[in-house]
Amino acid sequence: AEQKATEAIELLEQAAQTGHSKACYGLGYMYEEPRHHGLSKEPDLAKAVELYRVAAEKDVAEAQYRLGELYRLGKTKPEDVQKDARDEAKRLLQQAHKQGR
């Protein structure tokens, strides 16, 4: 399972480098929850957040939701320190909800 997950990461990284928004989300989720995907490494929330932000800016509801949840749960903070994490979480979760997430 780990070999297939590693191969998936490589493919997602290639697609994410071309700006594919869903690949950014998928790769972000693999970094956030590596064990859920059969990987034995530790989560990398900084990398996950970076990828979620790219996808969220391109209106990927799943990325908006995951990023909003990370803010809401206090696991990370908005990049712009002027923004309140709760306000940004609410905004992202509302955007995701509008798109059916």
PDB file of N, CA and C in Angstrom:
ATOM      1  N   ALA A   1       0.828  -1.201   0.000  1.00  0.00           N
ATOM      2  CA  ALA A   1       0.000   0.000   0.000  1.00  0.00           C
ATOM      3  C   ALA A   1       0.868   1.259   0.000  1.00  0.00           C
ATOM      4  N   GLU A   2       1.965   1.210   0.739  1.00  0.00           N
ATOM      5  CA  GLU A   2       2.820   2.397   0.809  1.00  0.00           C
ATOM      6  C   GLU A   2       3.443   2.711  -0.546  1.00  0.00           C
ATOM      7  N   GLN A   3       3.810   1.689  -1.292  1.00  0.00           N
ATOM      8  CA  GLN A   3       4.404   1.902  -2.621  1.00  0.00           C
ATOM      9  C   GLN A   3       3.408   2.599  -3.542  1.00  0.00           C
ATOM     10  N   LYS A   4       2.149   2.148  -3.512  1.00  0.00           N
ATOM     11  CA  LYS A   4       1.134   2.773  -4.368  1.00  0.00           C
ATOM     12  C   LYS A   4       0.869   4.211  -3.936  1.00  0.00           C
ATOM     13  N   ALA A   5       0.852   4.448  -2.635  1.00  0.00           N
ATOM     14  CA  ALA A   5       0.630   5.806  -2.139  1.00  0.00           C
ATOM     15  C   ALA A   5       1.789   6.714  -2.544  1.00  0.00           C
ATOM     16  N   THR A   6       2.998   6.192  -2.486  1.00  0.00           N
ATOM     17  CA  THR A   6       4.169   6.973  -2.902  1.00  0.00           C
ATOM     18  C   THR A   6       4.086   7.312  -4.386  1.00  0.00           C
ATOM     19  N   GLU A   7       3.656   6.348  -5.183  1.00  0.00           N
ATOM     20  CA  GLU A   7       3.481   6.596  -6.619  1.00  0.00           C
ATOM     21  C   GLU A   7       2.391   7.638  -6.856  1.00  0.00           C
ATOM     22  N   ALA A   8       1.316   7.563  -6.074  1.00  0.00           N
ATOM     23  CA  ALA A   8       0.229   8.542  -6.208  1.00  0.00           C
ATOM     24  C   ALA A   8       0.732   9.940  -5.880  1.00  0.00           C
ATOM     25  N   ILE A   9       1.558  10.050  -4.845  1.00  0.00           N
ATOM     26  CA  ILE A   9       2.117  11.357  -4.478  1.00  0.00           C
ATOM     27  C   ILE A   9       2.949  11.918  -5.627  1.00  0.00           C
ATOM     28  N   GLU A  10       3.747  11.086  -6.241  1.00  0.00           N
ATOM     29  CA  GLU A  10       4.573  11.545  -7.358  1.00  0.00           C
ATOM     30  C   GLU A  10       3.712  12.072  -8.498  1.00  0.00           C
ATOM     31  N   LEU A  11       2.652  11.351  -8.827  1.00  0.00           N
ATOM     32  CA  LEU A  11       1.759  11.790  -9.901  1.00  0.00           C
ATOM     33  C   LEU A  11       1.030  13.083  -9.526  1.00  0.00           C
ATOM     34  N   LEU A  12       0.553  13.148  -8.287  1.00  0.00           N
ATOM     35  CA  LEU A  12      -0.138  14.355  -7.832  1.00  0.00           C
ATOM     36  C   LEU A  12       0.805  15.554  -7.812  1.00  0.00           C
ATOM     37  N   GLU A  13       2.057  15.335  -7.412  1.00  0.00           N
ATOM     38  CA  GLU A  13       3.026  16.428  -7.408  1.00  0.00           C
ATOM     39  C   GLU A  13       3.250  16.973  -8.815  1.00  0.00           C
ATOM     40  N   GLN A  14       3.329  16.070  -9.783  1.00  0.00           N
ATOM     41  CA  GLN A  14       3.498  16.509 -11.178  1.00  0.00           C
ATOM     42  C   GLN A  14       2.301  17.345 -11.621  1.00  0.00           C
ATOM     43  N   ALA A  15       1.108  16.882 -11.317  1.00  0.00           N
ATOM     44  CA  ALA A  15      -0.097  17.609 -11.710  1.00  0.00           C
ATOM     45  C   ALA A  15      -0.214  18.930 -10.948  1.00  0.00           C
ATOM     46  N   ALA A  16       0.129  18.915  -9.667  1.00  0.00           N
ATOM     47  CA  ALA A  16       0.047  20.136  -8.862  1.00  0.00           C
ATOM     48  C   ALA A  16       1.017  21.191  -9.372  1.00  0.00           C
ATOM     49  N   GLN A  17       2.176  20.772  -9.842  1.00  0.00           N
ATOM     50  CA  GLN A  17       3.154  21.719 -10.370  1.00  0.00           C
ATOM     51  C   GLN A  17       2.648  22.429 -11.622  1.00  0.00           C
ATOM     52  N   THR A  18       1.704  21.816 -12.320  1.00  0.00           N
ATOM     53  CA  THR A  18       1.129  22.458 -13.503  1.00  0.00           C
ATOM     54  C   THR A  18      -0.054  23.338 -13.125  1.00  0.00           C
ATOM     55  N   GLY A  19      -0.381  23.380 -11.818  1.00  0.00           N
ATOM     56  CA  GLY A  19      -1.473  24.222 -11.355  1.00  0.00           C
ATOM     57  C   GLY A  19      -2.823  23.532 -11.288  1.00  0.00           C
ATOM     58  N   HIS A  20      -2.848  22.217 -11.417  1.00  0.00           N
ATOM     59  CA  HIS A  20      -4.110  21.476 -11.358  1.00  0.00           C
ATOM     60  C   HIS A  20      -4.673  21.557  -9.939  1.00  0.00           C
ATOM     61  N   SER A  21      -5.796  22.246  -9.785  1.00  0.00           N
ATOM     62  CA  SER A  21      -6.323  22.548  -8.462  1.00  0.00           C
ATOM     63  C   SER A  21      -6.759  21.305  -7.680  1.00  0.00           C
ATOM     64  N   LYS A  22      -7.379  20.346  -8.347  1.00  0.00           N
ATOM     65  CA  LYS A  22      -7.806  19.125  -7.639  1.00  0.00           C
ATOM     66  C   LYS A  22      -6.593  18.307  -7.200  1.00  0.00           C
ATOM     67  N   ALA A  23      -5.521  18.339  -7.985  1.00  0.00           N
ATOM     68  CA  ALA A  23      -4.292  17.642  -7.590  1.00  0.00           C
ATOM     69  C   ALA A  23      -3.700  18.306  -6.347  1.00  0.00           C
ATOM     70  N   CYS A  24      -3.762  19.627  -6.293  1.00  0.00           N
ATOM     71  CA  CYS A  24      -3.279  20.339  -5.103  1.00  0.00           C
ATOM     72  C   CYS A  24      -4.066  19.905  -3.872  1.00  0.00           C
ATOM     73  N   TYR A  25      -5.381  19.801  -4.024  1.00  0.00           N
ATOM     74  CA  TYR A  25      -6.204  19.348  -2.900  1.00  0.00           C
ATOM     75  C   TYR A  25      -5.837  17.922  -2.498  1.00  0.00           C
ATOM     76  N   GLY A  26      -5.775  17.014  -3.476  1.00  0.00           N
ATOM     77  CA  GLY A  26      -5.484  15.613  -3.182  1.00  0.00           C
ATOM     78  C   GLY A  26      -4.131  15.435  -2.529  1.00  0.00           C
ATOM     79  N   LEU A  27      -3.147  16.139  -3.023  1.00  0.00           N
ATOM     80  CA  LEU A  27      -1.812  16.068  -2.449  1.00  0.00           C
ATOM     81  C   LEU A  27      -1.806  16.657  -1.037  1.00  0.00           C
ATOM     82  N   GLY A  28      -2.517  17.754  -0.865  1.00  0.00           N
ATOM     83  CA  GLY A  28      -2.632  18.358   0.466  1.00  0.00           C
ATOM     84  C   GLY A  28      -3.236  17.394   1.467  1.00  0.00           C
ATOM     85  N   TYR A  29      -4.262  16.675   1.032  1.00  0.00           N
ATOM     86  CA  TYR A  29      -4.918  15.717   1.926  1.00  0.00           C
ATOM     87  C   TYR A  29      -3.965  14.571   2.273  1.00  0.00           C
ATOM     88  N   MET A  30      -3.145  14.161   1.326  1.00  0.00           N
ATOM     89  CA  MET A  30      -2.173  13.105   1.611  1.00  0.00           C
ATOM     90  C   MET A  30      -1.127  13.591   2.620  1.00  0.00           C
ATOM     91  N   TYR A  31      -0.757  14.860   2.544  1.00  0.00           N
ATOM     92  CA  TYR A  31       0.181  15.410   3.521  1.00  0.00           C
ATOM     93  C   TYR A  31      -0.484  15.582   4.890  1.00  0.00           C
ATOM     94  N   GLU A  32      -1.758  15.937   4.894  1.00  0.00           N
ATOM     95  CA  GLU A  32      -2.459  16.118   6.174  1.00  0.00           C
ATOM     96  C   GLU A  32      -2.720  14.777   6.860  1.00  0.00           C
ATOM     97  N   GLU A  33      -3.115  13.781   6.095  1.00  0.00           N
ATOM     98  CA  GLU A  33      -3.510  12.476   6.642  1.00  0.00           C
ATOM     99  C   GLU A  33      -2.736  11.342   5.968  1.00  0.00           C
ATOM    100  N   PRO A  34      -1.412  11.296   6.102  1.00  0.00           N
ATOM    101  CA  PRO A  34      -0.644  10.273   5.383  1.00  0.00           C
ATOM    102  C   PRO A  34      -1.007   8.842   5.781  1.00  0.00           C
ATOM    103  N   ARG A  35      -1.296   8.624   7.027  1.00  0.00           N
ATOM    104  CA  ARG A  35      -1.616   7.256   7.472  1.00  0.00           C
ATOM    105  C   ARG A  35      -2.944   6.779   6.888  1.00  0.00           C
ATOM    106  N   HIS A  36      -3.848   7.700   6.666  1.00  0.00           N
ATOM    107  CA  HIS A  36      -5.141   7.368   6.050  1.00  0.00           C
ATOM    108  C   HIS A  36      -4.936   6.842   4.630  1.00  0.00           C
ATOM    109  N   HIS A  37      -3.831   7.230   4.021  1.00  0.00           N
ATOM    110  CA  HIS A  37      -3.533   6.834   2.649  1.00  0.00           C
ATOM    111  C   HIS A  37      -2.475   5.737   2.567  1.00  0.00           C
ATOM    112  N   GLY A  38      -2.183   5.096   3.693  1.00  0.00           N
ATOM    113  CA  GLY A  38      -1.247   3.977   3.687  1.00  0.00           C
ATOM    114  C   GLY A  38       0.213   4.361   3.780  1.00  0.00           C
ATOM    115  N   LEU A  39       0.486   5.583   4.186  1.00  0.00           N
ATOM    116  CA  LEU A  39       1.869   6.036   4.337  1.00  0.00           C
ATOM    117  C   LEU A  39       2.269   6.004   5.806  1.00  0.00           C
ATOM    118  N   SER A  40       3.504   5.669   6.078  1.00  0.00           N
ATOM    119  CA  SER A  40       3.963   5.559   7.463  1.00  0.00           C
ATOM    120  C   SER A  40       4.623   6.838   7.975  1.00  0.00           C
ATOM    121  N   LYS A  41       4.613   7.902   7.169  1.00  0.00           N
ATOM    122  CA  LYS A  41       5.269   9.133   7.617  1.00  0.00           C
ATOM    123  C   LYS A  41       4.317  10.007   8.432  1.00  0.00           C
ATOM    124  N   GLU A  42       4.913  10.998   9.091  1.00  0.00           N
ATOM    125  CA  GLU A  42       4.152  11.935   9.916  1.00  0.00           C
ATOM    126  C   GLU A  42       3.440  12.966   9.041  1.00  0.00           C
ATOM    127  N   PRO A  43       2.317  13.504   9.518  1.00  0.00           N
ATOM    128  CA  PRO A  43       1.633  14.569   8.774  1.00  0.00           C
ATOM    129  C   PRO A  43       2.531  15.796   8.613  1.00  0.00           C
ATOM    130  N   ASP A  44       2.346  16.495   7.516  1.00  0.00           N
ATOM    131  CA  ASP A  44       3.069  17.742   7.253  1.00  0.00           C
ATOM    132  C   ASP A  44       2.002  18.803   7.007  1.00  0.00           C
ATOM    133  N   LEU A  45       1.517  19.400   8.117  1.00  0.00           N
ATOM    134  CA  LEU A  45       0.427  20.370   8.006  1.00  0.00           C
ATOM    135  C   LEU A  45       0.837  21.614   7.243  1.00  0.00           C
ATOM    136  N   ALA A  46       2.077  22.027   7.362  1.00  0.00           N
ATOM    137  CA  ALA A  46       2.520  23.220   6.631  1.00  0.00           C
ATOM    138  C   ALA A  46       2.395  22.997   5.128  1.00  0.00           C
ATOM    139  N   LYS A  47       2.815  21.843   4.665  1.00  0.00           N
ATOM    140  CA  LYS A  47       2.722  21.530   3.235  1.00  0.00           C
ATOM    141  C   LYS A  47       1.258  21.371   2.825  1.00  0.00           C
ATOM    142  N   ALA A  48       0.471  20.710   3.674  1.00  0.00           N
ATOM    143  CA  ALA A  48      -0.953  20.526   3.378  1.00  0.00           C
ATOM    144  C   ALA A  48      -1.651  21.876   3.244  1.00  0.00           C
ATOM    145  N   VAL A  49      -1.382  22.774   4.172  1.00  0.00           N
ATOM    146  CA  VAL A  49      -2.009  24.100   4.153  1.00  0.00           C
ATOM    147  C   VAL A  49      -1.604  24.863   2.898  1.00  0.00           C
ATOM    148  N   GLU A  50      -0.331  24.792   2.548  1.00  0.00           N
ATOM    149  CA  GLU A  50       0.148  25.473   1.339  1.00  0.00           C
ATOM    150  C   GLU A  50      -0.623  24.992   0.100  1.00  0.00           C
ATOM    151  N   LEU A  51      -0.805  23.694  -0.007  1.00  0.00           N
ATOM    152  CA  LEU A  51      -1.517  23.126  -1.156  1.00  0.00           C
ATOM    153  C   LEU A  51      -3.017  23.413  -1.088  1.00  0.00           C
ATOM    154  N   TYR A  52      -3.600  23.326   0.107  1.00  0.00           N
ATOM    155  CA  TYR A  52      -5.020  23.650   0.263  1.00  0.00           C
ATOM    156  C   TYR A  52      -5.293  25.094  -0.137  1.00  0.00           C
ATOM    157  N   ARG A  53      -4.385  25.998   0.216  1.00  0.00           N
ATOM    158  CA  ARG A  53      -4.580  27.417  -0.133  1.00  0.00           C
ATOM    159  C   ARG A  53      -4.636  27.606  -1.636  1.00  0.00           C
ATOM    160  N   VAL A  54      -3.749  26.942  -2.355  1.00  0.00           N
ATOM    161  CA  VAL A  54      -3.742  27.041  -3.818  1.00  0.00           C
ATOM    162  C   VAL A  54      -5.078  26.558  -4.366  1.00  0.00           C
ATOM    163  N   ALA A  55      -5.523  25.396  -3.900  1.00  0.00           N
ATOM    164  CA  ALA A  55      -6.781  24.825  -4.390  1.00  0.00           C
ATOM    165  C   ALA A  55      -7.979  25.659  -3.953  1.00  0.00           C
ATOM    166  N   ALA A  56      -7.956  26.151  -2.717  1.00  0.00           N
ATOM    167  CA  ALA A  56      -9.082  26.952  -2.205  1.00  0.00           C
ATOM    168  C   ALA A  56      -9.248  28.235  -2.996  1.00  0.00           C
ATOM    169  N   GLU A  57      -8.126  28.834  -3.400  1.00  0.00           N
ATOM    170  CA  GLU A  57      -8.186  30.060  -4.201  1.00  0.00           C
ATOM    171  C   GLU A  57      -8.791  29.795  -5.575  1.00  0.00           C
ATOM    172  N   LYS A  58      -8.751  28.536  -6.010  1.00  0.00           N
ATOM    173  CA  LYS A  58      -9.334  28.157  -7.297  1.00  0.00           C
ATOM    174  C   LYS A  58     -10.719  27.531  -7.103  1.00  0.00           C
ATOM    175  N   ASP A  59     -11.331  27.816  -5.958  1.00  0.00           N
ATOM    176  CA  ASP A  59     -12.702  27.405  -5.641  1.00  0.00           C
ATOM    177  C   ASP A  59     -12.916  25.900  -5.553  1.00  0.00           C
ATOM    178  N   VAL A  60     -11.922  25.161  -5.084  1.00  0.00           N
ATOM    179  CA  VAL A  60     -12.112  23.735  -4.821  1.00  0.00           C
ATOM    180  C   VAL A  60     -12.744  23.635  -3.435  1.00  0.00           C
ATOM    181  N   ALA A  61     -14.018  23.262  -3.405  1.00  0.00           N
ATOM    182  CA  ALA A  61     -14.783  23.245  -2.159  1.00  0.00           C
ATOM    183  C   ALA A  61     -14.138  22.368  -1.092  1.00  0.00           C
ATOM    184  N   GLU A  62     -13.627  21.219  -1.479  1.00  0.00           N
ATOM    185  CA  GLU A  62     -13.017  20.312  -0.513  1.00  0.00           C
ATOM    186  C   GLU A  62     -11.817  20.970   0.171  1.00  0.00           C
ATOM    187  N   ALA A  63     -11.026  21.698  -0.602  1.00  0.00           N
ATOM    188  CA  ALA A  63      -9.863  22.386  -0.036  1.00  0.00           C
ATOM    189  C   ALA A  63     -10.300  23.519   0.883  1.00  0.00           C
ATOM    190  N   GLN A  64     -11.335  24.251   0.488  1.00  0.00           N
ATOM    191  CA  GLN A  64     -11.866  25.312   1.341  1.00  0.00           C
ATOM    192  C   GLN A  64     -12.338  24.726   2.663  1.00  0.00           C
ATOM    193  N   TYR A  65     -13.005  23.591   2.582  1.00  0.00           N
ATOM    194  CA  TYR A  65     -13.514  22.930   3.782  1.00  0.00           C
ATOM    195  C   TYR A  65     -12.363  22.476   4.687  1.00  0.00           C
ATOM    196  N   ARG A  66     -11.381  21.747   4.135  1.00  0.00           N
ATOM    197  CA  ARG A  66     -10.268  21.224   4.945  1.00  0.00           C
ATOM    198  C   ARG A  66      -9.486  22.378   5.572  1.00  0.00           C
ATOM    199  N   LEU A  67      -9.201  23.412   4.785  1.00  0.00           N
ATOM    200  CA  LEU A  67      -8.465  24.561   5.299  1.00  0.00           C
ATOM    201  C   LEU A  67      -9.267  25.270   6.382  1.00  0.00           C
ATOM    202  N   GLY A  68     -10.558  25.442   6.141  1.00  0.00           N
ATOM    203  CA  GLY A  68     -11.427  26.052   7.143  1.00  0.00           C
ATOM    204  C   GLY A  68     -11.449  25.262   8.434  1.00  0.00           C
ATOM    205  N   GLU A  69     -11.491  23.949   8.321  1.00  0.00           N
ATOM    206  CA  GLU A  69     -11.482  23.096   9.513  1.00  0.00           C
ATOM    207  C   GLU A  69     -10.155  23.204  10.265  1.00  0.00           C
ATOM    208  N   LEU A  70      -9.055  23.245   9.543  1.00  0.00           N
ATOM    209  CA  LEU A  70      -7.756  23.385  10.213  1.00  0.00           C
ATOM    210  C   LEU A  70      -7.687  24.706  10.965  1.00  0.00           C
ATOM    211  N   TYR A  71      -8.221  25.777  10.385  1.00  0.00           N
ATOM    212  CA  TYR A  71      -8.267  27.063  11.070  1.00  0.00           C
ATOM    213  C   TYR A  71      -9.199  26.982  12.277  1.00  0.00           C
ATOM    214  N   ARG A  72     -10.381  26.420  12.058  1.00  0.00           N
ATOM    215  CA  ARG A  72     -11.385  26.355  13.124  1.00  0.00           C
ATOM    216  C   ARG A  72     -10.874  25.572  14.326  1.00  0.00           C
ATOM    217  N   LEU A  73     -10.160  24.491  14.051  1.00  0.00           N
ATOM    218  CA  LEU A  73      -9.646  23.640  15.126  1.00  0.00           C
ATOM    219  C   LEU A  73      -8.354  24.170  15.743  1.00  0.00           C
ATOM    220  N   GLY A  74      -7.844  25.261  15.182  1.00  0.00           N
ATOM    221  CA  GLY A  74      -6.634  25.864  15.719  1.00  0.00           C
ATOM    222  C   GLY A  74      -5.358  25.114  15.373  1.00  0.00           C
ATOM    223  N   LYS A  75      -5.409  24.266  14.359  1.00  0.00           N
ATOM    224  CA  LYS A  75      -4.222  23.503  13.967  1.00  0.00           C
ATOM    225  C   LYS A  75      -3.255  24.338  13.140  1.00  0.00           C
ATOM    226  N   THR A  76      -3.748  25.415  12.572  1.00  0.00           N
ATOM    227  CA  THR A  76      -2.916  26.343  11.806  1.00  0.00           C
ATOM    228  C   THR A  76      -3.611  27.698  11.808  1.00  0.00           C
ATOM    229  N   LYS A  77      -2.921  28.696  11.324  1.00  0.00           N
ATOM    230  CA  LYS A  77      -3.482  30.048  11.278  1.00  0.00           C
ATOM    231  C   LYS A  77      -3.430  30.570   9.858  1.00  0.00           C
ATOM    232  N   PRO A  78      -4.296  31.528   9.526  1.00  0.00           N
ATOM    233  CA  PRO A  78      -4.244  32.130   8.194  1.00  0.00           C
ATOM    234  C   PRO A  78      -2.865  32.729   7.933  1.00  0.00           C
ATOM    235  N   GLU A  79      -2.458  32.678   6.675  1.00  0.00           N
ATOM    236  CA  GLU A  79      -1.150  33.210   6.283  1.00  0.00           C
ATOM    237  C   GLU A  79      -1.036  34.690   6.638  1.00  0.00           C
ATOM    238  N   ASP A  80      -2.080  35.427   6.398  1.00  0.00           N
ATOM    239  CA  ASP A  80      -2.111  36.849   6.714  1.00  0.00           C
ATOM    240  C   ASP A  80      -2.459  36.978   8.197  1.00  0.00           C
ATOM    241  N   VAL A  81      -1.482  37.317   9.001  1.00  0.00           N
ATOM    242  CA  VAL A  81      -1.709  37.356  10.450  1.00  0.00           C
ATOM    243  C   VAL A  81      -2.739  38.403  10.864  1.00  0.00           C
ATOM    244  N   GLN A  82      -3.114  39.281   9.954  1.00  0.00           N
ATOM    245  CA  GLN A  82      -4.150  40.268  10.261  1.00  0.00           C
ATOM    246  C   GLN A  82      -5.529  39.620  10.332  1.00  0.00           C
ATOM    247  N   LYS A  83      -5.665  38.470   9.682  1.00  0.00           N
ATOM    248  CA  LYS A  83      -6.957  37.795   9.662  1.00  0.00           C
ATOM    249  C   LYS A  83      -7.136  36.976  10.937  1.00  0.00           C
ATOM    250  N   ASP A  84      -8.303  37.007  11.469  1.00  0.00           N
ATOM    251  CA  ASP A  84      -8.635  36.178  12.609  1.00  0.00           C
ATOM    252  C   ASP A  84      -8.932  34.766  12.102  1.00  0.00           C
ATOM    253  N   ALA A  85      -8.364  33.761  12.729  1.00  0.00           N
ATOM    254  CA  ALA A  85      -8.533  32.377  12.279  1.00  0.00           C
ATOM    255  C   ALA A  85     -10.006  31.979  12.250  1.00  0.00           C
ATOM    256  N   ARG A  86     -10.770  32.414  13.240  1.00  0.00           N
ATOM    257  CA  ARG A  86     -12.189  32.046  13.264  1.00  0.00           C
ATOM    258  C   ARG A  86     -12.955  32.678  12.106  1.00  0.00           C
ATOM    259  N   ASP A  87     -12.653  33.938  11.818  1.00  0.00           N
ATOM    260  CA  ASP A  87     -13.324  34.611  10.705  1.00  0.00           C
ATOM    261  C   ASP A  87     -12.963  33.965   9.373  1.00  0.00           C
ATOM    262  N   GLU A  88     -11.679  33.640   9.210  1.00  0.00           N
ATOM    263  CA  GLU A  88     -11.239  33.017   7.961  1.00  0.00           C
ATOM    264  C   GLU A  88     -11.822  31.609   7.841  1.00  0.00           C
ATOM    265  N   ALA A  89     -11.887  30.884   8.944  1.00  0.00           N
ATOM    266  CA  ALA A  89     -12.494  29.551   8.930  1.00  0.00           C
ATOM    267  C   ALA A  89     -13.960  29.655   8.519  1.00  0.00           C
ATOM    268  N   LYS A  90     -14.669  30.597   9.092  1.00  0.00           N
ATOM    269  CA  LYS A  90     -16.086  30.784   8.761  1.00  0.00           C
ATOM    270  C   LYS A  90     -16.259  31.109   7.283  1.00  0.00           C
ATOM    271  N   ARG A  91     -15.423  32.009   6.762  1.00  0.00           N
ATOM    272  CA  ARG A  91     -15.511  32.395   5.350  1.00  0.00           C
ATOM    273  C   ARG A  91     -15.270  31.191   4.439  1.00  0.00           C
ATOM    274  N   LEU A  92     -14.226  30.431   4.724  1.00  0.00           N
ATOM    275  CA  LEU A  92     -13.914  29.266   3.889  1.00  0.00           C
ATOM    276  C   LEU A  92     -14.997  28.197   3.974  1.00  0.00           C
ATOM    277  N   LEU A  93     -15.483  27.942   5.174  1.00  0.00           N
ATOM    278  CA  LEU A  93     -16.530  26.924   5.332  1.00  0.00           C
ATOM    279  C   LEU A  93     -17.822  27.348   4.637  1.00  0.00           C
ATOM    280  N   GLN A  94     -18.122  28.643   4.667  1.00  0.00           N
ATOM    281  CA  GLN A  94     -19.306  29.132   3.946  1.00  0.00           C
ATOM    282  C   GLN A  94     -19.138  28.981   2.451  1.00  0.00           C
ATOM    283  N   GLN A  95     -17.937  29.260   1.929  1.00  0.00           N
ATOM    284  CA  GLN A  95     -17.685  29.085   0.505  1.00  0.00           C
ATOM    285  C   GLN A  95     -17.855  27.621   0.117  1.00  0.00           C
ATOM    286  N   ALA A  96     -17.297  26.735   0.920  1.00  0.00           N
ATOM    287  CA  ALA A  96     -17.401  25.304   0.638  1.00  0.00           C
ATOM    288  C   ALA A  96     -18.862  24.862   0.671  1.00  0.00           C
ATOM    289  N   HIS A  97     -19.614  25.362   1.631  1.00  0.00           N
ATOM    290  CA  HIS A  97     -21.030  25.001   1.758  1.00  0.00           C
ATOM    291  C   HIS A  97     -21.814  25.462   0.526  1.00  0.00           C
ATOM    292  N   LYS A  98     -21.527  26.646   0.022  1.00  0.00           N
ATOM    293  CA  LYS A  98     -22.206  27.150  -1.170  1.00  0.00           C
ATOM    294  C   LYS A  98     -21.981  26.253  -2.374  1.00  0.00           C
ATOM    295  N   GLN A  99     -20.854  25.554  -2.356  1.00  0.00           N
ATOM    296  CA  GLN A  99     -20.533  24.664  -3.471  1.00  0.00           C
ATOM    297  C   GLN A  99     -20.966  23.224  -3.203  1.00  0.00           C
ATOM    298  N   GLY A 100     -21.703  23.038  -2.131  1.00  0.00           N
ATOM    299  CA  GLY A 100     -22.259  21.709  -1.876  1.00  0.00           C
ATOM    300  C   GLY A 100     -21.413  20.824  -0.991  1.00  0.00           C
ATOM    301  N   ARG A 101     -20.376  21.359  -0.376  1.00  0.00           N
ATOM    302  CA  ARG A 101     -19.532  20.541   0.499  1.00  0.00           C
ATOM    303  C   ARG A 101     -20.066  20.609   1.884  1.00  0.00           C
TER     304      ARG A 101
END
